[in-house]
């Protein structure tokens, strides 16, 4: 009985801490993950960008993406409807992430922030992480570096 009380008293502060910081994390990102201070123009721009990226990825029109989104379908469901397998979608997403990463790294090289050798090394590292886990290049980046 005493060990149960100790356990409960130990768990309650941890849960309270997790709830407090979890709620603050959600609050900081705001609704839809756009940040609490996002303007309507920023929200609209980000959605338009998302719709365009998905349309390009799937090889379909932006209107098709918007219609599917309005119906509550996710990109996996839309891809399946368009005859794209989960494996093909995964590969397309990986290829898109790598292409964006190359653009970002080249911008850093062009601005003199990093050398070409550092960019090549980072790209190699990220591709290795992606190949090993399939998770290294998800939205939000890896290890806080954004790509």
N, C-alpha and C. Protein backbone atom coordinates (compact mmCIF):
# COMPACT_ATOMS: atom_id res chain seq x y z
N UNK A 1 0.82 -1.19 0.00
CA UNK A 1 0.00 0.00 0.00
C UNK A 1 0.86 1.25 0.00
N UNK A 2 1.94 1.24 0.79
CA UNK A 2 2.81 2.40 0.88
C UNK A 2 3.51 2.65 -0.45
N UNK A 3 3.93 1.60 -1.14
CA UNK A 3 4.60 1.77 -2.43
C UNK A 3 3.64 2.36 -3.46
N UNK A 4 2.36 2.04 -3.36
CA UNK A 4 1.36 2.58 -4.27
C UNK A 4 1.21 4.10 -4.05
N UNK A 5 1.21 4.54 -2.78
CA UNK A 5 1.10 5.96 -2.47
C UNK A 5 2.32 6.71 -3.01
N UNK A 6 3.49 6.13 -2.81
CA UNK A 6 4.72 6.76 -3.29
C UNK A 6 4.65 6.89 -4.81
N UNK A 7 4.19 5.85 -5.47
CA UNK A 7 4.06 5.88 -6.91
C UNK A 7 3.11 6.98 -7.36
N UNK A 8 1.94 7.05 -6.73
CA UNK A 8 0.95 8.07 -7.08
C UNK A 8 1.51 9.47 -6.87
N UNK A 9 2.17 9.69 -5.74
CA UNK A 9 2.75 11.01 -5.47
C UNK A 9 3.88 11.35 -6.43
N UNK A 10 4.55 10.35 -6.95
CA UNK A 10 5.62 10.60 -7.91
C UNK A 10 5.05 10.88 -9.30
N UNK A 11 3.96 10.22 -9.65
CA UNK A 11 3.39 10.35 -10.98
C UNK A 11 2.62 11.65 -11.16
N UNK A 12 1.92 12.10 -10.14
CA UNK A 12 1.09 13.30 -10.26
C UNK A 12 1.90 14.52 -10.70
N UNK A 13 3.05 14.82 -10.09
CA UNK A 13 3.81 15.98 -10.57
C UNK A 13 4.29 15.82 -12.01
N UNK A 14 4.65 14.61 -12.39
CA UNK A 14 5.10 14.37 -13.76
C UNK A 14 3.95 14.62 -14.74
N UNK A 15 2.77 14.11 -14.42
CA UNK A 15 1.61 14.34 -15.29
C UNK A 15 1.25 15.82 -15.36
N UNK A 16 1.30 16.50 -14.24
CA UNK A 16 0.99 17.93 -14.24
C UNK A 16 2.00 18.69 -15.10
N UNK A 17 3.27 18.34 -14.98
CA UNK A 17 4.30 18.98 -15.78
C UNK A 17 4.06 18.73 -17.26
N UNK A 18 3.76 17.47 -17.61
CA UNK A 18 3.52 17.12 -19.02
C UNK A 18 2.30 17.86 -19.57
N UNK A 19 1.25 17.94 -18.77
CA UNK A 19 0.04 18.64 -19.23
C UNK A 19 0.33 20.12 -19.44
N UNK A 20 1.06 20.74 -18.52
CA UNK A 20 1.36 22.16 -18.62
C UNK A 20 2.19 22.45 -19.87
N UNK A 21 3.29 21.70 -20.03
CA UNK A 21 4.15 21.97 -21.17
C UNK A 21 3.55 21.49 -22.48
N UNK A 22 2.76 20.43 -22.45
CA UNK A 22 2.05 19.99 -23.65
C UNK A 22 1.05 21.03 -24.11
N UNK A 23 0.31 21.60 -23.18
CA UNK A 23 -0.68 22.63 -23.52
C UNK A 23 0.01 23.87 -24.06
N UNK A 24 1.13 24.23 -23.45
CA UNK A 24 1.86 25.40 -23.93
C UNK A 24 2.41 25.17 -25.33
N UNK A 25 2.82 23.95 -25.62
CA UNK A 25 3.33 23.64 -26.94
C UNK A 25 2.23 23.80 -27.98
N UNK A 26 1.04 23.30 -27.69
CA UNK A 26 -0.08 23.45 -28.61
C UNK A 26 -0.43 24.93 -28.75
N UNK A 27 -0.44 25.66 -27.64
CA UNK A 27 -0.77 27.07 -27.68
C UNK A 27 0.23 27.85 -28.53
N UNK A 28 1.52 27.50 -28.39
CA UNK A 28 2.55 28.22 -29.13
C UNK A 28 2.42 28.00 -30.63
N UNK A 29 2.02 26.81 -31.04
CA UNK A 29 1.86 26.53 -32.46
C UNK A 29 0.56 27.11 -32.98
N UNK A 30 -0.42 27.22 -32.12
CA UNK A 30 -1.69 27.77 -32.55
C UNK A 30 -2.51 26.78 -33.32
N UNK A 31 -3.67 27.21 -33.73
CA UNK A 31 -4.58 26.35 -34.48
C UNK A 31 -3.96 26.01 -35.83
N UNK A 32 -4.04 24.79 -36.23
CA UNK A 32 -3.54 24.27 -37.49
C UNK A 32 -2.01 24.31 -37.59
N UNK A 33 -1.32 24.56 -36.46
CA UNK A 33 0.13 24.56 -36.48
C UNK A 33 0.76 25.76 -37.15
N UNK A 34 0.01 26.84 -37.37
CA UNK A 34 0.53 28.01 -38.07
C UNK A 34 1.08 29.07 -37.15
N UNK A 35 1.03 28.89 -35.87
CA UNK A 35 1.52 29.90 -34.94
C UNK A 35 0.37 30.79 -34.49
N UNK A 36 0.46 31.20 -33.26
CA UNK A 36 -0.65 31.94 -32.68
C UNK A 36 -0.82 33.31 -33.29
N UNK A 37 0.20 33.85 -33.93
CA UNK A 37 0.10 35.18 -34.50
C UNK A 37 -0.02 35.19 -36.01
N UNK A 38 -0.34 34.04 -36.61
CA UNK A 38 -0.47 33.98 -38.06
C UNK A 38 -1.65 34.82 -38.51
N UNK A 39 -1.41 35.59 -39.55
CA UNK A 39 -2.48 36.42 -40.10
C UNK A 39 -3.33 35.58 -41.05
N UNK A 40 -4.52 36.04 -41.37
CA UNK A 40 -5.33 35.31 -42.36
C UNK A 40 -4.60 35.14 -43.70
N UNK A 41 -3.83 36.14 -44.09
CA UNK A 41 -3.07 36.03 -45.34
C UNK A 41 -2.01 34.94 -45.26
N UNK A 42 -1.34 34.83 -44.10
CA UNK A 42 -0.33 33.79 -43.92
C UNK A 42 -0.96 32.41 -43.93
N UNK A 43 -2.09 32.27 -43.26
CA UNK A 43 -2.79 30.99 -43.24
C UNK A 43 -3.21 30.60 -44.65
N UNK A 44 -3.79 31.55 -45.38
CA UNK A 44 -4.22 31.27 -46.75
C UNK A 44 -3.04 30.91 -47.63
N UNK A 45 -1.94 31.63 -47.48
CA UNK A 45 -0.75 31.37 -48.28
C UNK A 45 -0.19 29.98 -48.00
N UNK A 46 -0.14 29.62 -46.73
CA UNK A 46 0.39 28.30 -46.37
C UNK A 46 -0.49 27.18 -46.88
N UNK A 47 -1.80 27.37 -46.82
CA UNK A 47 -2.69 26.34 -47.36
C UNK A 47 -2.54 26.24 -48.87
N UNK A 48 -2.46 27.38 -49.54
CA UNK A 48 -2.29 27.35 -51.00
C UNK A 48 -1.00 26.64 -51.37
N UNK A 49 0.05 26.91 -50.62
CA UNK A 49 1.33 26.24 -50.86
C UNK A 49 1.20 24.73 -50.63
N UNK A 50 0.52 24.35 -49.56
CA UNK A 50 0.31 22.93 -49.28
C UNK A 50 -0.47 22.26 -50.41
N UNK A 51 -1.55 22.92 -50.85
CA UNK A 51 -2.36 22.36 -51.94
C UNK A 51 -1.51 22.19 -53.21
N UNK A 52 -0.71 23.20 -53.53
CA UNK A 52 0.13 23.15 -54.73
C UNK A 52 1.17 22.04 -54.62
N UNK A 53 1.81 21.92 -53.46
CA UNK A 53 2.82 20.87 -53.27
C UNK A 53 2.20 19.48 -53.43
N UNK A 54 1.01 19.28 -52.86
CA UNK A 54 0.37 17.97 -52.97
C UNK A 54 -0.06 17.69 -54.40
N UNK A 55 -0.55 18.70 -55.10
CA UNK A 55 -0.96 18.52 -56.49
C UNK A 55 0.25 18.14 -57.35
N UNK A 56 1.35 18.83 -57.16
CA UNK A 56 2.57 18.53 -57.91
C UNK A 56 3.07 17.13 -57.58
N UNK A 57 3.05 16.79 -56.32
CA UNK A 57 3.51 15.48 -55.87
C UNK A 57 2.71 14.35 -56.52
N UNK A 58 1.38 14.54 -56.57
CA UNK A 58 0.50 13.50 -57.09
C UNK A 58 0.26 13.61 -58.60
N UNK A 59 0.69 14.71 -59.20
CA UNK A 59 0.47 14.90 -60.63
C UNK A 59 -0.99 15.16 -60.97
N UNK A 60 -1.68 15.90 -60.11
CA UNK A 60 -3.09 16.21 -60.31
C UNK A 60 -3.30 17.71 -60.16
N UNK A 61 -4.52 18.17 -60.38
CA UNK A 61 -4.80 19.60 -60.28
C UNK A 61 -4.95 20.03 -58.82
N UNK A 62 -4.70 21.31 -58.60
CA UNK A 62 -4.89 21.88 -57.28
C UNK A 62 -6.36 21.77 -56.87
N UNK A 63 -7.25 21.93 -57.83
CA UNK A 63 -8.69 21.82 -57.53
C UNK A 63 -9.05 20.43 -57.02
N UNK A 64 -8.43 19.39 -57.58
CA UNK A 64 -8.67 18.03 -57.08
C UNK A 64 -8.21 17.90 -55.62
N UNK A 65 -7.08 18.49 -55.32
CA UNK A 65 -6.55 18.43 -53.95
C UNK A 65 -7.49 19.17 -53.01
N UNK A 66 -7.92 20.36 -53.41
CA UNK A 66 -8.82 21.16 -52.56
C UNK A 66 -10.13 20.43 -52.32
N UNK A 67 -10.67 19.81 -53.35
CA UNK A 67 -11.94 19.09 -53.20
C UNK A 67 -11.79 17.92 -52.24
N UNK A 68 -10.70 17.18 -52.38
CA UNK A 68 -10.46 16.05 -51.48
C UNK A 68 -10.25 16.52 -50.05
N UNK A 69 -9.51 17.61 -49.89
CA UNK A 69 -9.27 18.18 -48.56
C UNK A 69 -10.60 18.60 -47.91
N UNK A 70 -11.46 19.23 -48.70
CA UNK A 70 -12.75 19.68 -48.18
C UNK A 70 -13.61 18.49 -47.73
N UNK A 71 -13.41 17.34 -48.37
CA UNK A 71 -14.15 16.13 -48.02
C UNK A 71 -13.52 15.39 -46.84
N UNK A 72 -12.40 15.90 -46.34
CA UNK A 72 -11.75 15.29 -45.19
C UNK A 72 -10.77 14.19 -45.54
N UNK A 73 -10.40 14.08 -46.79
CA UNK A 73 -9.45 13.04 -47.20
C UNK A 73 -8.02 13.52 -46.98
N UNK A 74 -7.16 12.58 -46.61
CA UNK A 74 -5.75 12.92 -46.47
C UNK A 74 -5.02 12.57 -47.76
N UNK A 75 -3.74 12.91 -47.80
CA UNK A 75 -2.98 12.71 -49.04
C UNK A 75 -2.85 11.23 -49.40
N UNK A 76 -2.80 10.37 -48.38
CA UNK A 76 -2.70 8.93 -48.66
C UNK A 76 -3.98 8.43 -49.34
N UNK A 77 -5.12 8.87 -48.87
CA UNK A 77 -6.39 8.46 -49.47
C UNK A 77 -6.52 9.00 -50.90
N UNK A 78 -6.12 10.24 -51.09
CA UNK A 78 -6.18 10.84 -52.42
C UNK A 78 -5.25 10.11 -53.38
N UNK A 79 -4.05 9.81 -52.92
CA UNK A 79 -3.09 9.08 -53.76
C UNK A 79 -3.67 7.73 -54.17
N UNK A 80 -4.27 7.02 -53.22
CA UNK A 80 -4.85 5.71 -53.51
C UNK A 80 -5.95 5.83 -54.57
N UNK A 81 -6.79 6.87 -54.43
CA UNK A 81 -7.85 7.12 -55.43
C UNK A 81 -7.27 7.35 -56.82
N UNK A 82 -6.10 7.95 -56.87
CA UNK A 82 -5.47 8.29 -58.16
C UNK A 82 -4.57 7.17 -58.66
N UNK A 83 -4.61 6.01 -58.00
CA UNK A 83 -3.85 4.85 -58.44
C UNK A 83 -2.39 4.87 -58.05
N UNK A 84 -2.04 5.65 -57.04
CA UNK A 84 -0.66 5.73 -56.57
C UNK A 84 -0.56 4.87 -55.31
N UNK A 85 0.35 3.90 -55.33
CA UNK A 85 0.51 3.02 -54.18
C UNK A 85 1.17 3.77 -53.02
N UNK A 86 1.06 3.19 -51.85
CA UNK A 86 1.70 3.79 -50.66
C UNK A 86 3.22 3.87 -50.85
N UNK A 87 3.81 2.86 -51.48
CA UNK A 87 5.25 2.85 -51.71
C UNK A 87 5.64 3.94 -52.71
N UNK A 88 4.83 4.11 -53.76
CA UNK A 88 5.11 5.16 -54.73
C UNK A 88 5.00 6.54 -54.09
N UNK A 89 3.98 6.72 -53.25
CA UNK A 89 3.80 8.00 -52.56
C UNK A 89 4.98 8.27 -51.65
N UNK A 90 5.40 7.26 -50.91
CA UNK A 90 6.55 7.41 -50.01
C UNK A 90 7.78 7.83 -50.79
N UNK A 91 8.02 7.21 -51.93
CA UNK A 91 9.20 7.54 -52.74
C UNK A 91 9.09 8.96 -53.29
N UNK A 92 7.90 9.34 -53.76
CA UNK A 92 7.70 10.70 -54.26
C UNK A 92 7.95 11.73 -53.16
N UNK A 93 7.48 11.44 -51.96
CA UNK A 93 7.69 12.35 -50.84
C UNK A 93 9.16 12.45 -50.49
N UNK A 94 9.85 11.33 -50.49
CA UNK A 94 11.28 11.31 -50.20
C UNK A 94 12.04 12.13 -51.25
N UNK A 95 11.73 11.91 -52.52
CA UNK A 95 12.39 12.64 -53.59
C UNK A 95 12.15 14.15 -53.47
N UNK A 96 10.93 14.52 -53.11
CA UNK A 96 10.59 15.94 -52.94
C UNK A 96 11.38 16.54 -51.79
N UNK A 97 11.46 15.82 -50.67
CA UNK A 97 12.22 16.32 -49.51
C UNK A 97 13.69 16.51 -49.86
N UNK A 98 14.25 15.56 -50.59
CA UNK A 98 15.66 15.65 -50.97
C UNK A 98 15.88 16.85 -51.89
N UNK A 99 14.98 17.05 -52.84
CA UNK A 99 15.10 18.19 -53.75
C UNK A 99 15.03 19.51 -52.98
N UNK A 100 14.10 19.62 -52.03
CA UNK A 100 14.00 20.84 -51.21
C UNK A 100 15.26 21.02 -50.37
N UNK A 101 15.76 19.92 -49.83
CA UNK A 101 16.95 20.00 -49.00
C UNK A 101 18.13 20.52 -49.81
N UNK A 102 18.26 20.06 -51.05
CA UNK A 102 19.35 20.51 -51.91
C UNK A 102 19.23 22.01 -52.17
N UNK A 103 18.02 22.50 -52.38
CA UNK A 103 17.80 23.93 -52.61
C UNK A 103 18.19 24.73 -51.37
N UNK A 104 17.76 24.26 -50.20
CA UNK A 104 18.09 24.95 -48.95
C UNK A 104 19.59 24.96 -48.70
N UNK A 105 20.22 23.82 -48.90
CA UNK A 105 21.66 23.74 -48.67
C UNK A 105 22.41 24.64 -49.66
N UNK A 106 21.96 24.67 -50.91
CA UNK A 106 22.62 25.51 -51.91
C UNK A 106 22.49 26.98 -51.55
N UNK A 107 21.34 27.37 -50.99
CA UNK A 107 21.15 28.75 -50.55
C UNK A 107 22.15 29.10 -49.44
N UNK A 108 22.38 28.16 -48.53
CA UNK A 108 23.35 28.39 -47.47
C UNK A 108 24.77 28.52 -48.02
N UNK A 109 25.07 27.71 -49.03
CA UNK A 109 26.39 27.79 -49.68
C UNK A 109 26.53 29.12 -50.40
N UNK A 110 25.49 29.49 -51.17
CA UNK A 110 25.53 30.74 -51.93
C UNK A 110 25.69 31.97 -51.05
N UNK A 111 25.14 31.92 -49.84
CA UNK A 111 25.23 33.05 -48.91
C UNK A 111 26.49 33.00 -48.05
N UNK A 112 27.31 31.97 -48.23
CA UNK A 112 28.55 31.87 -47.49
C UNK A 112 28.39 31.39 -46.05
N UNK A 113 27.21 30.84 -45.74
CA UNK A 113 26.96 30.36 -44.37
C UNK A 113 27.70 29.05 -44.13
N UNK A 114 27.71 28.19 -45.13
CA UNK A 114 28.42 26.91 -45.06
C UNK A 114 29.18 26.72 -46.36
N UNK A 115 30.12 25.78 -46.34
CA UNK A 115 30.87 25.46 -47.56
C UNK A 115 30.12 24.40 -48.35
N UNK A 116 30.53 24.23 -49.61
CA UNK A 116 29.93 23.18 -50.43
C UNK A 116 30.21 21.81 -49.83
N UNK A 117 31.40 21.63 -49.26
CA UNK A 117 31.75 20.35 -48.62
C UNK A 117 30.82 20.07 -47.44
N UNK A 118 30.52 21.12 -46.65
CA UNK A 118 29.59 20.94 -45.52
C UNK A 118 28.18 20.61 -46.02
N UNK A 119 27.76 21.25 -47.08
CA UNK A 119 26.44 20.97 -47.65
C UNK A 119 26.37 19.53 -48.15
N UNK A 120 27.42 19.10 -48.84
CA UNK A 120 27.45 17.73 -49.35
C UNK A 120 27.43 16.72 -48.20
N UNK A 121 28.17 17.04 -47.14
CA UNK A 121 28.22 16.15 -45.99
C UNK A 121 26.85 16.08 -45.32
N UNK A 122 26.19 17.22 -45.17
CA UNK A 122 24.86 17.25 -44.54
C UNK A 122 23.85 16.47 -45.39
N UNK A 123 23.89 16.66 -46.70
CA UNK A 123 22.98 15.94 -47.58
C UNK A 123 23.20 14.43 -47.47
N UNK A 124 24.44 14.03 -47.44
CA UNK A 124 24.77 12.60 -47.30
C UNK A 124 24.25 12.06 -45.97
N UNK A 125 24.46 12.82 -44.90
CA UNK A 125 23.97 12.42 -43.58
C UNK A 125 22.46 12.26 -43.58
N UNK A 126 21.75 13.23 -44.13
CA UNK A 126 20.28 13.19 -44.12
C UNK A 126 19.76 12.04 -44.97
N UNK A 127 20.40 11.78 -46.09
CA UNK A 127 19.98 10.65 -46.92
C UNK A 127 20.22 9.33 -46.19
N UNK A 128 21.31 9.22 -45.46
CA UNK A 128 21.59 8.01 -44.68
C UNK A 128 20.54 7.82 -43.61
N UNK A 129 20.20 8.88 -42.89
CA UNK A 129 19.18 8.81 -41.85
C UNK A 129 17.85 8.38 -42.47
N UNK A 130 17.51 8.98 -43.59
CA UNK A 130 16.25 8.65 -44.27
C UNK A 130 16.23 7.18 -44.69
N UNK A 131 17.32 6.72 -45.24
CA UNK A 131 17.38 5.33 -45.70
C UNK A 131 17.29 4.34 -44.54
N UNK A 132 17.89 4.68 -43.41
CA UNK A 132 17.88 3.78 -42.25
C UNK A 132 16.52 3.73 -41.56
N UNK A 133 15.93 4.90 -41.36
CA UNK A 133 14.72 4.94 -40.54
C UNK A 133 13.47 5.32 -41.29
N UNK A 134 13.63 5.99 -42.41
CA UNK A 134 12.45 6.48 -43.12
C UNK A 134 11.84 7.69 -42.45
N UNK A 135 12.46 8.21 -41.39
CA UNK A 135 11.87 9.30 -40.62
C UNK A 135 12.74 10.55 -40.58
N UNK A 136 13.91 10.50 -41.10
CA UNK A 136 14.86 11.58 -40.91
C UNK A 136 14.50 12.91 -41.54
N UNK A 137 13.63 12.91 -42.55
CA UNK A 137 13.37 14.14 -43.25
C UNK A 137 11.89 14.49 -43.24
N UNK A 138 11.25 14.29 -42.14
CA UNK A 138 9.84 14.65 -42.05
C UNK A 138 9.70 16.15 -41.87
N UNK A 139 8.52 16.64 -42.05
CA UNK A 139 8.27 18.06 -41.87
C UNK A 139 8.71 18.46 -40.47
N UNK A 140 9.36 19.59 -40.37
CA UNK A 140 9.86 20.03 -39.07
C UNK A 140 11.33 19.70 -38.90
N UNK A 141 11.85 18.89 -39.80
CA UNK A 141 13.28 18.68 -39.81
C UNK A 141 13.76 17.58 -38.90
N UNK A 142 15.04 17.45 -38.86
CA UNK A 142 15.72 16.43 -38.07
C UNK A 142 16.71 17.12 -37.17
N UNK A 143 16.66 16.82 -35.92
CA UNK A 143 17.57 17.40 -34.94
C UNK A 143 17.49 18.92 -34.90
N UNK A 144 16.30 19.46 -35.21
CA UNK A 144 16.08 20.89 -35.08
C UNK A 144 16.69 21.73 -36.17
N UNK A 145 17.16 21.15 -37.24
CA UNK A 145 17.80 21.94 -38.29
C UNK A 145 16.88 22.29 -39.43
N UNK A 146 15.62 21.84 -39.38
CA UNK A 146 14.66 22.23 -40.40
C UNK A 146 14.74 21.45 -41.68
N UNK A 147 15.78 20.67 -41.88
CA UNK A 147 15.88 19.79 -43.05
C UNK A 147 16.99 18.81 -42.83
